[in-house]
Amino acid sequence: MPISLSAKKSLRKSIKNRKRNDNLTRKTKIEIKKFLAKPSQEGLSLVFSVVDKAVKNNIFHLNKAKRLKARFSRKVESLKPAKPAKKMA
């Protein structure tokens, strides 16, 4: 157990921060799994928002977030029907 007042406060703060980080990490993973199970444009915007919050709170590194967002965007793009080719006259 901490003895000094500052050590006690530090312990309280670290416990609070750990809870917040765990909740955000869990929420991020859940939303990503939901999106991967059933990709959609609405799900993509929700995942983008959650991933951006994770970066803001230092849960994910910025480059990891960019990589995930690019992969998820490609997944949604692959679901769209291909445009028909133009006929040459």
C-alpha atoms as a PDB file:
ATOM      1  CA  MET A   1       0.000   0.000   0.000  1.00  0.00           C
ATOM      2  CA  PRO A   2       1.165   3.511  -0.725  1.00  0.00           C
ATOM      3  CA  ILE A   3       2.170   5.611   2.230  1.00  0.00           C
ATOM      4  CA  SER A   4       2.475   9.213   1.058  1.00  0.00           C
ATOM      5  CA  LEU A   5      -0.500  11.277  -0.079  1.00  0.00           C
ATOM      6  CA  SER A   6       0.841  11.688  -3.591  1.00  0.00           C
ATOM      7  CA  ALA A   7       1.359   7.927  -3.921  1.00  0.00           C
ATOM      8  CA  LYS A   8      -2.227   7.323  -2.780  1.00  0.00           C
ATOM      9  CA  LYS A   9      -3.546   9.791  -5.316  1.00  0.00           C
ATOM     10  CA  SER A  10      -1.384   8.234  -8.021  1.00  0.00           C
ATOM     11  CA  LEU A  11      -2.832   4.817  -7.213  1.00  0.00           C
ATOM     12  CA  ARG A  12      -6.404   6.145  -7.398  1.00  0.00           C
ATOM     13  CA  LYS A  13      -5.667   7.831 -10.706  1.00  0.00           C
ATOM     14  CA  SER A  14      -4.017   4.782 -12.244  1.00  0.00           C
ATOM     15  CA  ILE A  15      -6.966   2.567 -11.243  1.00  0.00           C
ATOM     16  CA  LYS A  16      -9.433   5.009 -12.807  1.00  0.00           C
ATOM     17  CA  ASN A  17      -7.365   5.291 -15.989  1.00  0.00           C
ATOM     18  CA  ARG A  18      -6.999   1.512 -16.249  1.00  0.00           C
ATOM     19  CA  LYS A  19     -10.783   1.064 -16.028  1.00  0.00           C
ATOM     20  CA  ARG A  20     -11.359   3.687 -18.711  1.00  0.00           C
ATOM     21  CA  ASN A  21      -8.718   2.159 -21.000  1.00  0.00           C
ATOM     22  CA  ASP A  22     -10.082  -1.362 -20.502  1.00  0.00           C
ATOM     23  CA  ASN A  23     -13.616  -0.228 -21.321  1.00  0.00           C
ATOM     24  CA  LEU A  24     -12.492   1.592 -24.440  1.00  0.00           C
ATOM     25  CA  THR A  25     -10.336  -1.335 -25.583  1.00  0.00           C
ATOM     26  CA  ARG A  26     -13.201  -3.768 -25.043  1.00  0.00           C
ATOM     27  CA  LYS A  27     -15.675  -1.530 -26.888  1.00  0.00           C
ATOM     28  CA  THR A  28     -13.267  -1.100 -29.788  1.00  0.00           C
ATOM     29  CA  LYS A  29     -12.718  -4.844 -30.152  1.00  0.00           C
ATOM     30  CA  ILE A  30     -16.448  -5.567 -29.955  1.00  0.00           C
ATOM     31  CA  GLU A  31     -17.320  -2.999 -32.628  1.00  0.00           C
ATOM     32  CA  ILE A  32     -14.567  -4.282 -34.940  1.00  0.00           C
ATOM     33  CA  LYS A  33     -15.802  -7.872 -34.551  1.00  0.00           C
ATOM     34  CA  LYS A  34     -19.394  -6.788 -35.272  1.00  0.00           C
ATOM     35  CA  PHE A  35     -18.236  -4.953 -38.383  1.00  0.00           C
ATOM     36  CA  LEU A  36     -16.157  -7.881 -39.642  1.00  0.00           C
ATOM     37  CA  ALA A  37     -19.105 -10.239 -39.143  1.00  0.00           C
ATOM     38  CA  LYS A  38     -21.435  -8.018 -41.168  1.00  0.00           C
ATOM     39  CA  PRO A  39     -19.661  -5.172 -43.025  1.00  0.00           C
ATOM     40  CA  SER A  40     -21.785  -2.166 -43.980  1.00  0.00           C
ATOM     41  CA  GLN A  41     -21.379   1.544 -44.575  1.00  0.00           C
ATOM     42  CA  GLU A  42     -23.091   2.378 -41.256  1.00  0.00           C
ATOM     43  CA  GLY A  43     -20.856  -0.058 -39.418  1.00  0.00           C
ATOM     44  CA  LEU A  44     -17.821   1.475 -41.092  1.00  0.00           C
ATOM     45  CA  SER A  45     -18.606   4.962 -39.790  1.00  0.00           C
ATOM     46  CA  LEU A  46     -19.145   3.558 -36.288  1.00  0.00           C
ATOM     47  CA  VAL A  47     -15.841   1.666 -36.380  1.00  0.00           C
ATOM     48  CA  PHE A  48     -14.029   4.777 -37.655  1.00  0.00           C
ATOM     49  CA  SER A  49     -15.376   6.772 -34.728  1.00  0.00           C
ATOM     50  CA  VAL A  50     -14.394   4.135 -32.160  1.00  0.00           C
ATOM     51  CA  VAL A  51     -10.903   3.712 -33.647  1.00  0.00           C
ATOM     52  CA  ASP A  52     -10.365   7.490 -33.653  1.00  0.00           C
ATOM     53  CA  LYS A  53     -11.333   7.642 -29.973  1.00  0.00           C
ATOM     54  CA  ALA A  54      -8.882   4.820 -29.253  1.00  0.00           C
ATOM     55  CA  VAL A  55      -6.097   6.808 -30.941  1.00  0.00           C
ATOM     56  CA  LYS A  56      -7.051   9.926 -29.004  1.00  0.00           C
ATOM     57  CA  ASN A  57      -6.717   8.003 -25.719  1.00  0.00           C
ATOM     58  CA  ASN A  58      -3.469   6.272 -26.788  1.00  0.00           C
ATOM     59  CA  ILE A  59      -5.060   2.826 -26.997  1.00  0.00           C
ATOM     60  CA  PHE A  60      -4.005   2.435 -30.659  1.00  0.00           C
ATOM     61  CA  HIS A  61      -1.038   3.973 -32.423  1.00  0.00           C
ATOM     62  CA  LEU A  62      -1.951   6.387 -35.209  1.00  0.00           C
ATOM     63  CA  ASN A  63      -0.437   4.183 -37.931  1.00  0.00           C
ATOM     64  CA  LYS A  64      -2.335   1.125 -36.689  1.00  0.00           C
ATOM     65  CA  ALA A  65      -5.568   3.098 -36.834  1.00  0.00           C
ATOM     66  CA  LYS A  66      -4.841   4.247 -40.388  1.00  0.00           C
ATOM     67  CA  ARG A  67      -4.050   0.677 -41.432  1.00  0.00           C
ATOM     68  CA  LEU A  68      -7.267  -0.678 -39.888  1.00  0.00           C
ATOM     69  CA  LYS A  69      -9.385   2.061 -41.434  1.00  0.00           C
ATOM     70  CA  ALA A  70      -7.888   1.401 -44.870  1.00  0.00           C
ATOM     71  CA  ARG A  71      -8.574  -2.334 -44.589  1.00  0.00           C
ATOM     72  CA  PHE A  72     -12.137  -1.801 -43.430  1.00  0.00           C
ATOM     73  CA  SER A  73     -12.760   0.711 -46.233  1.00  0.00           C
ATOM     74  CA  ARG A  74     -11.527  -1.812 -48.799  1.00  0.00           C
ATOM     75  CA  LYS A  75     -13.842  -4.424 -47.325  1.00  0.00           C
ATOM     76  CA  VAL A  76     -16.857  -2.142 -47.786  1.00  0.00           C
ATOM     77  CA  GLU A  77     -15.742  -1.147 -51.294  1.00  0.00           C
ATOM     78  CA  SER A  78     -15.522  -4.803 -52.305  1.00  0.00           C
ATOM     79  CA  LEU A  79     -19.198  -5.255 -51.375  1.00  0.00           C
ATOM     80  CA  LYS A  80     -20.401  -2.605 -53.831  1.00  0.00           C
ATOM     81  CA  PRO A  81     -21.424  -3.870 -57.268  1.00  0.00           C
ATOM     82  CA  ALA A  82     -18.898  -3.222 -60.020  1.00  0.00           C
ATOM     83  CA  LYS A  83     -19.695  -0.502 -62.527  1.00  0.00           C
ATOM     84  CA  PRO A  84     -20.473  -1.779 -66.027  1.00  0.00           C
ATOM     85  CA  ALA A  85     -17.741  -1.217 -68.592  1.00  0.00           C
ATOM     86  CA  LYS A  86     -18.290   1.518 -71.184  1.00  0.00           C
ATOM     87  CA  LYS A  87     -18.903   0.310 -74.710  1.00  0.00           C
ATOM     88  CA  MET A  88     -16.505   1.547 -77.320  1.00  0.00           C
ATOM     89  CA  ALA A  89     -18.133   2.832 -80.540  1.00  0.00           C
END
